[in-house]
Amino acid sequence: MINYWLMKSEPDAFSIDDLKRLKHAPWDGVRNYQARNFMKAMNEGDMVFFYHSSCSPAGIVGTAKVCKKAYPDHTSWDINSHYFDPKSTQDSPRWFMIDVVFVERWPSILTLAELKKSPELADMLLTKKGSRLSVMPITQKEWEYITVILKK
């Protein structure tokens, strides 16, 4: 069974165009326990909305697919990495990452403001006030509504 997710990335750090160019890439640097747990629940074949955050406008810019299940995020062990965590070790990793493969870049961004206008998405984690997770589940119904009705 395929599950659906939304993953946020700042386009200056890693954009949909970066993934398109690379075709396949690890999704590292997640340092929130709930987001990490969501990543650990991902399976190969799960679909992902790629969301550009911390930019104007923020929104969904395309799709990707999980191509490798969660494994320890080695950047947490690299003392020179921005994501270094001295409490994470190879014997007891604290942080995990998954690999994704590029699927599609949308012709235009589907903004957060547009998503919030849809009553069908009122229960979506992304549209709830105060939701700041970088990784979150999407229901199949939300996925279908966004890809069939809202995608331009």
N, C-alpha and C. Protein backbone atom coordinates (compact mmCIF):
# COMPACT_ATOMS: atom_id res chain seq x y z
N MET A 1 0.84 -1.19 0.00
CA MET A 1 0.00 0.00 0.00
C MET A 1 0.89 1.25 0.00
N ILE A 2 0.58 2.15 -0.89
CA ILE A 2 1.34 3.40 -1.00
C ILE A 2 0.82 4.38 0.04
N ASN A 3 1.76 5.06 0.70
CA ASN A 3 1.43 6.16 1.59
C ASN A 3 1.86 7.45 0.93
N TYR A 4 1.34 8.56 1.46
CA TYR A 4 1.58 9.87 0.85
C TYR A 4 2.14 10.81 1.91
N TRP A 5 3.05 11.68 1.46
CA TRP A 5 3.77 12.56 2.37
C TRP A 5 3.97 13.93 1.75
N LEU A 6 4.28 14.89 2.58
CA LEU A 6 4.72 16.21 2.14
C LEU A 6 6.04 16.47 2.85
N MET A 7 7.03 16.89 2.08
CA MET A 7 8.34 17.19 2.65
C MET A 7 8.75 18.59 2.21
N LYS A 8 9.18 19.37 3.20
CA LYS A 8 9.55 20.76 2.95
C LYS A 8 11.06 20.90 2.81
N SER A 9 11.46 21.78 1.91
CA SER A 9 12.86 22.12 1.75
C SER A 9 12.97 23.58 1.34
N GLU A 10 13.94 24.27 1.88
CA GLU A 10 14.18 25.64 1.45
C GLU A 10 14.87 25.57 0.09
N PRO A 11 14.33 26.25 -0.91
CA PRO A 11 14.89 26.12 -2.26
C PRO A 11 16.34 26.57 -2.36
N ASP A 12 16.79 27.44 -1.46
CA ASP A 12 18.20 27.83 -1.47
C ASP A 12 19.11 26.71 -0.99
N ALA A 13 18.55 25.80 -0.18
CA ALA A 13 19.32 24.67 0.34
C ALA A 13 19.24 23.47 -0.60
N PHE A 14 18.02 23.11 -1.00
CA PHE A 14 17.80 21.98 -1.92
C PHE A 14 16.43 22.16 -2.56
N SER A 15 16.41 22.37 -3.85
CA SER A 15 15.16 22.66 -4.56
C SER A 15 14.70 21.48 -5.40
N ILE A 16 13.50 21.59 -5.92
CA ILE A 16 12.99 20.58 -6.84
C ILE A 16 13.87 20.50 -8.08
N ASP A 17 14.44 21.64 -8.48
CA ASP A 17 15.34 21.63 -9.64
C ASP A 17 16.63 20.89 -9.34
N ASP A 18 17.09 20.98 -8.09
CA ASP A 18 18.27 20.20 -7.69
C ASP A 18 17.97 18.71 -7.80
N LEU A 19 16.80 18.30 -7.30
CA LEU A 19 16.43 16.89 -7.37
C LEU A 19 16.26 16.46 -8.83
N LYS A 20 15.67 17.30 -9.64
CA LYS A 20 15.49 16.97 -11.06
C LYS A 20 16.85 16.74 -11.73
N ARG A 21 17.81 17.61 -11.43
CA ARG A 21 19.15 17.49 -12.01
C ARG A 21 19.84 16.22 -11.53
N LEU A 22 19.72 15.93 -10.23
CA LEU A 22 20.38 14.75 -9.65
C LEU A 22 19.62 13.45 -9.93
N LYS A 23 18.32 13.56 -10.16
CA LYS A 23 17.40 12.43 -10.38
C LYS A 23 17.11 11.63 -9.10
N HIS A 24 18.06 11.53 -8.20
CA HIS A 24 17.95 10.71 -6.98
C HIS A 24 18.82 11.38 -5.92
N ALA A 25 18.30 11.50 -4.69
CA ALA A 25 19.09 12.15 -3.65
C ALA A 25 18.62 11.74 -2.26
N PRO A 26 19.54 11.79 -1.29
CA PRO A 26 19.12 11.56 0.10
C PRO A 26 18.41 12.80 0.63
N TRP A 27 17.48 12.58 1.56
CA TRP A 27 16.80 13.68 2.25
C TRP A 27 17.33 13.67 3.67
N ASP A 28 18.34 14.48 3.90
CA ASP A 28 19.04 14.48 5.19
C ASP A 28 18.76 15.76 5.96
N GLY A 29 19.30 15.82 7.16
CA GLY A 29 19.23 17.05 7.94
C GLY A 29 17.96 17.27 8.74
N VAL A 30 17.05 16.32 8.75
CA VAL A 30 15.83 16.47 9.54
C VAL A 30 16.19 16.33 11.02
N ARG A 31 15.87 17.36 11.81
CA ARG A 31 16.25 17.36 13.22
C ARG A 31 15.05 17.68 14.12
N ASN A 32 13.95 17.01 13.83
CA ASN A 32 12.75 17.10 14.63
C ASN A 32 12.29 15.66 14.83
N TYR A 33 12.01 15.29 16.09
CA TYR A 33 11.70 13.90 16.38
C TYR A 33 10.43 13.40 15.68
N GLN A 34 9.40 14.22 15.63
CA GLN A 34 8.16 13.78 14.98
C GLN A 34 8.39 13.61 13.48
N ALA A 35 9.08 14.56 12.86
CA ALA A 35 9.38 14.46 11.43
C ALA A 35 10.27 13.23 11.17
N ARG A 36 11.23 12.99 12.05
CA ARG A 36 12.09 11.81 11.93
C ARG A 36 11.25 10.53 11.98
N ASN A 37 10.32 10.48 12.91
CA ASN A 37 9.48 9.30 13.04
C ASN A 37 8.62 9.08 11.80
N PHE A 38 8.14 10.16 11.20
CA PHE A 38 7.40 10.04 9.95
C PHE A 38 8.31 9.46 8.86
N MET A 39 9.55 9.93 8.79
CA MET A 39 10.48 9.41 7.80
C MET A 39 10.75 7.92 8.02
N LYS A 40 10.84 7.52 9.27
CA LYS A 40 11.07 6.10 9.58
C LYS A 40 9.88 5.22 9.17
N ALA A 41 8.71 5.83 9.02
CA ALA A 41 7.51 5.10 8.62
C ALA A 41 7.37 5.00 7.10
N MET A 42 8.21 5.70 6.36
CA MET A 42 8.12 5.71 4.91
C MET A 42 8.61 4.39 4.31
N ASN A 43 8.00 4.03 3.19
CA ASN A 43 8.38 2.82 2.47
C ASN A 43 8.74 3.16 1.03
N GLU A 44 9.54 2.32 0.43
CA GLU A 44 9.84 2.48 -0.99
C GLU A 44 8.54 2.49 -1.77
N GLY A 45 8.42 3.44 -2.69
CA GLY A 45 7.21 3.58 -3.49
C GLY A 45 6.24 4.61 -2.97
N ASP A 46 6.40 5.04 -1.72
CA ASP A 46 5.54 6.10 -1.19
C ASP A 46 5.76 7.37 -2.01
N MET A 47 4.69 8.15 -2.17
CA MET A 47 4.75 9.38 -2.95
C MET A 47 4.89 10.60 -2.03
N VAL A 48 5.59 11.61 -2.56
CA VAL A 48 5.94 12.80 -1.78
C VAL A 48 5.61 14.06 -2.55
N PHE A 49 4.90 14.98 -1.89
CA PHE A 49 4.80 16.34 -2.41
C PHE A 49 6.08 17.05 -2.02
N PHE A 50 6.73 17.69 -2.96
CA PHE A 50 7.94 18.48 -2.71
C PHE A 50 7.48 19.92 -2.51
N TYR A 51 7.73 20.45 -1.32
CA TYR A 51 7.22 21.76 -0.91
C TYR A 51 8.39 22.70 -0.67
N HIS A 52 8.40 23.84 -1.36
CA HIS A 52 9.41 24.87 -1.10
C HIS A 52 8.93 25.73 0.06
N SER A 53 9.77 25.81 1.11
CA SER A 53 9.42 26.58 2.31
C SER A 53 10.39 27.75 2.50
N SER A 54 10.03 28.61 3.43
CA SER A 54 10.86 29.78 3.77
C SER A 54 11.21 30.60 2.54
N CYS A 55 10.21 30.75 1.67
CA CYS A 55 10.38 31.57 0.47
C CYS A 55 9.02 32.18 0.17
N SER A 56 8.99 33.05 -0.79
CA SER A 56 7.73 33.69 -1.13
C SER A 56 7.48 33.55 -2.64
N PRO A 57 6.41 32.88 -3.01
CA PRO A 57 5.47 32.19 -2.13
C PRO A 57 5.94 30.77 -1.81
N ALA A 58 5.53 30.28 -0.67
CA ALA A 58 5.80 28.89 -0.29
C ALA A 58 4.70 28.02 -0.88
N GLY A 59 5.07 26.79 -1.24
CA GLY A 59 4.05 25.89 -1.75
C GLY A 59 4.61 24.63 -2.38
N ILE A 60 3.70 23.81 -2.87
CA ILE A 60 4.06 22.56 -3.53
C ILE A 60 4.56 22.86 -4.94
N VAL A 61 5.71 22.31 -5.28
CA VAL A 61 6.32 22.58 -6.58
C VAL A 61 6.46 21.33 -7.44
N GLY A 62 6.18 20.17 -6.86
CA GLY A 62 6.29 18.94 -7.64
C GLY A 62 6.15 17.71 -6.78
N THR A 63 6.53 16.57 -7.37
CA THR A 63 6.42 15.31 -6.66
C THR A 63 7.71 14.51 -6.78
N ALA A 64 7.88 13.64 -5.79
CA ALA A 64 9.01 12.72 -5.74
C ALA A 64 8.48 11.39 -5.21
N LYS A 65 9.34 10.39 -5.23
CA LYS A 65 8.96 9.07 -4.73
C LYS A 65 10.07 8.57 -3.82
N VAL A 66 9.69 7.95 -2.71
CA VAL A 66 10.67 7.35 -1.81
C VAL A 66 11.27 6.14 -2.52
N CYS A 67 12.60 6.10 -2.60
CA CYS A 67 13.24 4.97 -3.27
C CYS A 67 14.17 4.19 -2.34
N LYS A 68 14.31 4.67 -1.09
CA LYS A 68 15.08 3.93 -0.09
C LYS A 68 14.52 4.26 1.28
N LYS A 69 14.21 3.22 2.03
CA LYS A 69 13.67 3.38 3.39
C LYS A 69 14.67 4.09 4.30
N ALA A 70 14.21 4.50 5.44
CA ALA A 70 15.03 5.24 6.40
C ALA A 70 16.28 4.46 6.81
N TYR A 71 17.37 5.22 6.89
CA TYR A 71 18.65 4.70 7.36
C TYR A 71 19.35 5.83 8.11
N PRO A 72 20.35 5.52 8.94
CA PRO A 72 20.97 6.56 9.77
C PRO A 72 21.52 7.72 8.94
N ASP A 73 21.27 8.93 9.42
CA ASP A 73 21.75 10.16 8.77
C ASP A 73 23.19 10.40 9.22
N HIS A 74 24.12 10.08 8.33
CA HIS A 74 25.55 10.20 8.66
C HIS A 74 26.00 11.64 8.89
N THR A 75 25.21 12.63 8.45
CA THR A 75 25.62 14.02 8.67
C THR A 75 25.61 14.37 10.16
N SER A 76 24.87 13.60 10.94
CA SER A 76 24.84 13.87 12.39
C SER A 76 26.15 13.47 13.07
N TRP A 77 26.97 12.68 12.39
CA TRP A 77 28.26 12.25 12.95
C TRP A 77 29.43 13.08 12.45
N ASP A 78 29.17 13.94 11.47
CA ASP A 78 30.23 14.75 10.86
C ASP A 78 30.38 16.07 11.61
N ILE A 79 31.49 16.19 12.32
CA ILE A 79 31.72 17.38 13.15
C ILE A 79 31.72 18.68 12.33
N ASN A 80 31.97 18.58 11.03
CA ASN A 80 32.00 19.76 10.17
C ASN A 80 30.64 20.06 9.53
N SER A 81 29.67 19.21 9.78
CA SER A 81 28.34 19.40 9.19
C SER A 81 27.49 20.32 10.04
N HIS A 82 26.67 21.09 9.37
CA HIS A 82 25.68 21.94 10.05
C HIS A 82 24.71 21.07 10.86
N TYR A 83 24.57 19.80 10.48
CA TYR A 83 23.63 18.88 11.12
C TYR A 83 24.28 17.97 12.16
N PHE A 84 25.52 18.27 12.54
CA PHE A 84 26.22 17.47 13.54
C PHE A 84 25.45 17.44 14.86
N ASP A 85 25.38 16.25 15.47
CA ASP A 85 24.74 16.08 16.77
C ASP A 85 25.63 15.15 17.60
N PRO A 86 26.30 15.68 18.61
CA PRO A 86 27.22 14.85 19.40
C PRO A 86 26.53 13.71 20.14
N LYS A 87 25.23 13.78 20.30
CA LYS A 87 24.51 12.72 21.00
C LYS A 87 24.10 11.57 20.06
N SER A 88 24.30 11.76 18.77
CA SER A 88 24.00 10.71 17.80
C SER A 88 25.30 9.97 17.49
N THR A 89 25.26 8.66 17.57
CA THR A 89 26.45 7.85 17.28
C THR A 89 26.09 6.76 16.28
N GLN A 90 27.10 6.15 15.71
CA GLN A 90 26.85 5.05 14.77
C GLN A 90 26.21 3.86 15.48
N ASP A 91 26.55 3.67 16.74
CA ASP A 91 25.95 2.57 17.51
C ASP A 91 24.52 2.89 17.95
N SER A 92 24.24 4.16 18.12
CA SER A 92 22.91 4.58 18.55
C SER A 92 22.50 5.85 17.78
N PRO A 93 22.16 5.68 16.48
CA PRO A 93 21.81 6.86 15.68
C PRO A 93 20.52 7.50 16.17
N ARG A 94 20.52 8.81 16.18
CA ARG A 94 19.36 9.57 16.61
C ARG A 94 18.54 10.05 15.41
N TRP A 95 19.21 10.27 14.29
CA TRP A 95 18.59 10.88 13.13
C TRP A 95 18.67 9.95 11.92
N PHE A 96 17.65 10.03 11.08
CA PHE A 96 17.55 9.17 9.92
C PHE A 96 17.24 9.98 8.67
N MET A 97 17.48 9.39 7.53
CA MET A 97 17.15 10.02 6.25
C MET A 97 16.60 8.95 5.32
N ILE A 98 15.97 9.39 4.27
CA ILE A 98 15.46 8.50 3.23
C ILE A 98 16.03 9.00 1.90
N ASP A 99 15.90 8.21 0.87
CA ASP A 99 16.27 8.66 -0.46
C ASP A 99 15.01 8.84 -1.28
N VAL A 100 15.04 9.86 -2.13
CA VAL A 100 13.91 10.13 -3.01
C VAL A 100 14.40 10.22 -4.45
N VAL A 101 13.49 9.94 -5.35
CA VAL A 101 13.75 10.07 -6.77
C VAL A 101 12.78 11.09 -7.34
N PHE A 102 13.27 11.90 -8.27
CA PHE A 102 12.45 12.92 -8.92
C PHE A 102 11.33 12.26 -9.73
N VAL A 103 10.13 12.83 -9.62
CA VAL A 103 9.01 12.38 -10.44
C VAL A 103 8.57 13.49 -11.39
N GLU A 104 8.23 14.66 -10.82
CA GLU A 104 7.67 15.72 -11.66
C GLU A 104 7.86 17.09 -11.02
N ARG A 105 8.19 18.07 -11.86
CA ARG A 105 8.18 19.47 -11.45
C ARG A 105 6.91 20.07 -12.05
N TRP A 106 6.11 20.70 -11.21
CA TRP A 106 4.87 21.26 -11.70
C TRP A 106 5.14 22.56 -12.46
N PRO A 107 4.29 22.90 -13.42
CA PRO A 107 4.51 24.12 -14.20
C PRO A 107 4.40 25.40 -13.37
N SER A 108 3.65 25.31 -12.27
CA SER A 108 3.54 26.47 -11.38
C SER A 108 3.40 25.97 -9.94
N ILE A 109 3.70 26.85 -9.02
CA ILE A 109 3.64 26.51 -7.59
C ILE A 109 2.18 26.51 -7.12
N LEU A 110 1.86 25.54 -6.28
CA LEU A 110 0.55 25.51 -5.63
C LEU A 110 0.80 26.06 -4.23
N THR A 111 0.41 27.30 -4.02
CA THR A 111 0.79 28.01 -2.80
C THR A 111 0.01 27.55 -1.57
N LEU A 112 0.60 27.83 -0.43
CA LEU A 112 -0.06 27.54 0.84
C LEU A 112 -1.39 28.29 0.91
N ALA A 113 -1.41 29.51 0.45
CA ALA A 113 -2.66 30.30 0.47
C ALA A 113 -3.74 29.60 -0.36
N GLU A 114 -3.38 29.04 -1.51
CA GLU A 114 -4.35 28.33 -2.33
C GLU A 114 -4.84 27.06 -1.63
N LEU A 115 -3.94 26.35 -0.99
CA LEU A 115 -4.30 25.14 -0.26
C LEU A 115 -5.27 25.45 0.87
N LYS A 116 -5.02 26.55 1.56
CA LYS A 116 -5.86 26.93 2.70
C LYS A 116 -7.26 27.35 2.28
N LYS A 117 -7.46 27.72 1.02
CA LYS A 117 -8.78 28.12 0.53
C LYS A 117 -9.71 26.94 0.33
N SER A 118 -9.17 25.74 0.28
CA SER A 118 -9.97 24.55 -0.03
C SER A 118 -10.54 23.92 1.23
N PRO A 119 -11.85 23.92 1.40
CA PRO A 119 -12.45 23.27 2.57
C PRO A 119 -12.09 21.79 2.66
N GLU A 120 -11.84 21.16 1.50
CA GLU A 120 -11.48 19.74 1.47
C GLU A 120 -10.14 19.47 2.16
N LEU A 121 -9.34 20.52 2.35
CA LEU A 121 -8.01 20.36 2.96
C LEU A 121 -7.94 20.95 4.37
N ALA A 122 -9.09 21.22 4.96
CA ALA A 122 -9.13 21.86 6.28
C ALA A 122 -8.45 21.01 7.36
N ASP A 123 -8.46 19.69 7.20
CA ASP A 123 -7.84 18.82 8.20
C ASP A 123 -6.39 18.45 7.87
N MET A 124 -5.90 18.92 6.76
CA MET A 124 -4.52 18.64 6.35
C MET A 124 -3.56 19.29 7.35
N LEU A 125 -2.56 18.54 7.80
CA LEU A 125 -1.61 19.09 8.79
C LEU A 125 -0.99 20.40 8.32
N LEU A 126 -0.66 20.49 7.06
CA LEU A 126 0.00 21.69 6.52
C LEU A 126 -0.85 22.94 6.69
N THR A 127 -2.15 22.81 6.57
CA THR A 127 -3.02 23.99 6.60
C THR A 127 -3.44 24.39 8.01
N LYS A 128 -3.07 23.59 8.98
CA LYS A 128 -3.43 23.91 10.37
C LYS A 128 -2.49 24.97 10.93
N LYS A 129 -3.04 25.85 11.70
CA LYS A 129 -2.27 26.93 12.33
C LYS A 129 -1.17 26.34 13.22
N GLY A 130 0.03 26.86 13.08
CA GLY A 130 1.15 26.44 13.92
C GLY A 130 1.88 25.19 13.44
N SER A 131 1.43 24.60 12.33
CA SER A 131 2.10 23.40 11.83
C SER A 131 3.40 23.79 11.13
N ARG A 132 4.52 23.33 11.69
CA ARG A 132 5.82 23.71 11.13
C ARG A 132 6.68 22.49 10.79
N LEU A 133 6.11 21.31 10.83
CA LEU A 133 6.89 20.11 10.55
C LEU A 133 7.41 20.11 9.12
N SER A 134 8.63 19.60 8.96
CA SER A 134 9.23 19.54 7.63
C SER A 134 8.85 18.27 6.89
N VAL A 135 8.31 17.30 7.60
CA VAL A 135 7.84 16.04 7.01
C VAL A 135 6.50 15.71 7.66
N MET A 136 5.49 15.44 6.82
CA MET A 136 4.18 15.13 7.38
C MET A 136 3.41 14.21 6.46
N PRO A 137 2.52 13.40 7.04
CA PRO A 137 1.69 12.53 6.21
C PRO A 137 0.59 13.31 5.50
N ILE A 138 0.19 12.77 4.37
CA ILE A 138 -0.92 13.30 3.58
C ILE A 138 -1.86 12.12 3.36
N THR A 139 -3.14 12.33 3.49
CA THR A 139 -4.07 11.23 3.23
C THR A 139 -4.18 11.01 1.73
N GLN A 140 -4.64 9.82 1.36
CA GLN A 140 -4.84 9.53 -0.06
C GLN A 140 -5.87 10.49 -0.65
N LYS A 141 -6.88 10.80 0.12
CA LYS A 141 -7.93 11.72 -0.34
C LYS A 141 -7.34 13.12 -0.61
N GLU A 142 -6.48 13.60 0.31
CA GLU A 142 -5.82 14.90 0.12
C GLU A 142 -4.91 14.86 -1.10
N TRP A 143 -4.16 13.78 -1.25
CA TRP A 143 -3.26 13.63 -2.40
C TRP A 143 -4.05 13.71 -3.71
N GLU A 144 -5.13 12.95 -3.77
CA GLU A 144 -5.93 12.92 -4.99
C GLU A 144 -6.58 14.27 -5.27
N TYR A 145 -7.09 14.92 -4.24
CA TYR A 145 -7.70 16.23 -4.42
C TYR A 145 -6.68 17.24 -4.96
N ILE A 146 -5.48 17.24 -4.37
CA ILE A 146 -4.46 18.19 -4.79
C ILE A 146 -3.98 17.88 -6.20
N THR A 147 -3.72 16.62 -6.52
CA THR A 147 -3.17 16.28 -7.84
C THR A 147 -4.21 16.34 -8.95
N VAL A 148 -5.47 16.09 -8.63
CA VAL A 148 -6.50 16.08 -9.67
C VAL A 148 -7.19 17.44 -9.80
N ILE A 149 -7.53 18.06 -8.68
CA ILE A 149 -8.34 19.29 -8.70
C ILE A 149 -7.48 20.56 -8.68
N LEU A 150 -6.48 20.62 -7.78
CA LEU A 150 -5.76 21.87 -7.60
C LEU A 150 -4.52 22.03 -8.47
N LYS A 151 -3.91 20.93 -8.86
CA LYS A 151 -2.69 21.04 -9.66
C LYS A 151 -3.01 21.71 -11.00
N LYS A 152 -2.15 22.62 -11.35
CA LYS A 152 -2.40 23.37 -12.60
C LYS A 152 -1.74 22.72 -13.77
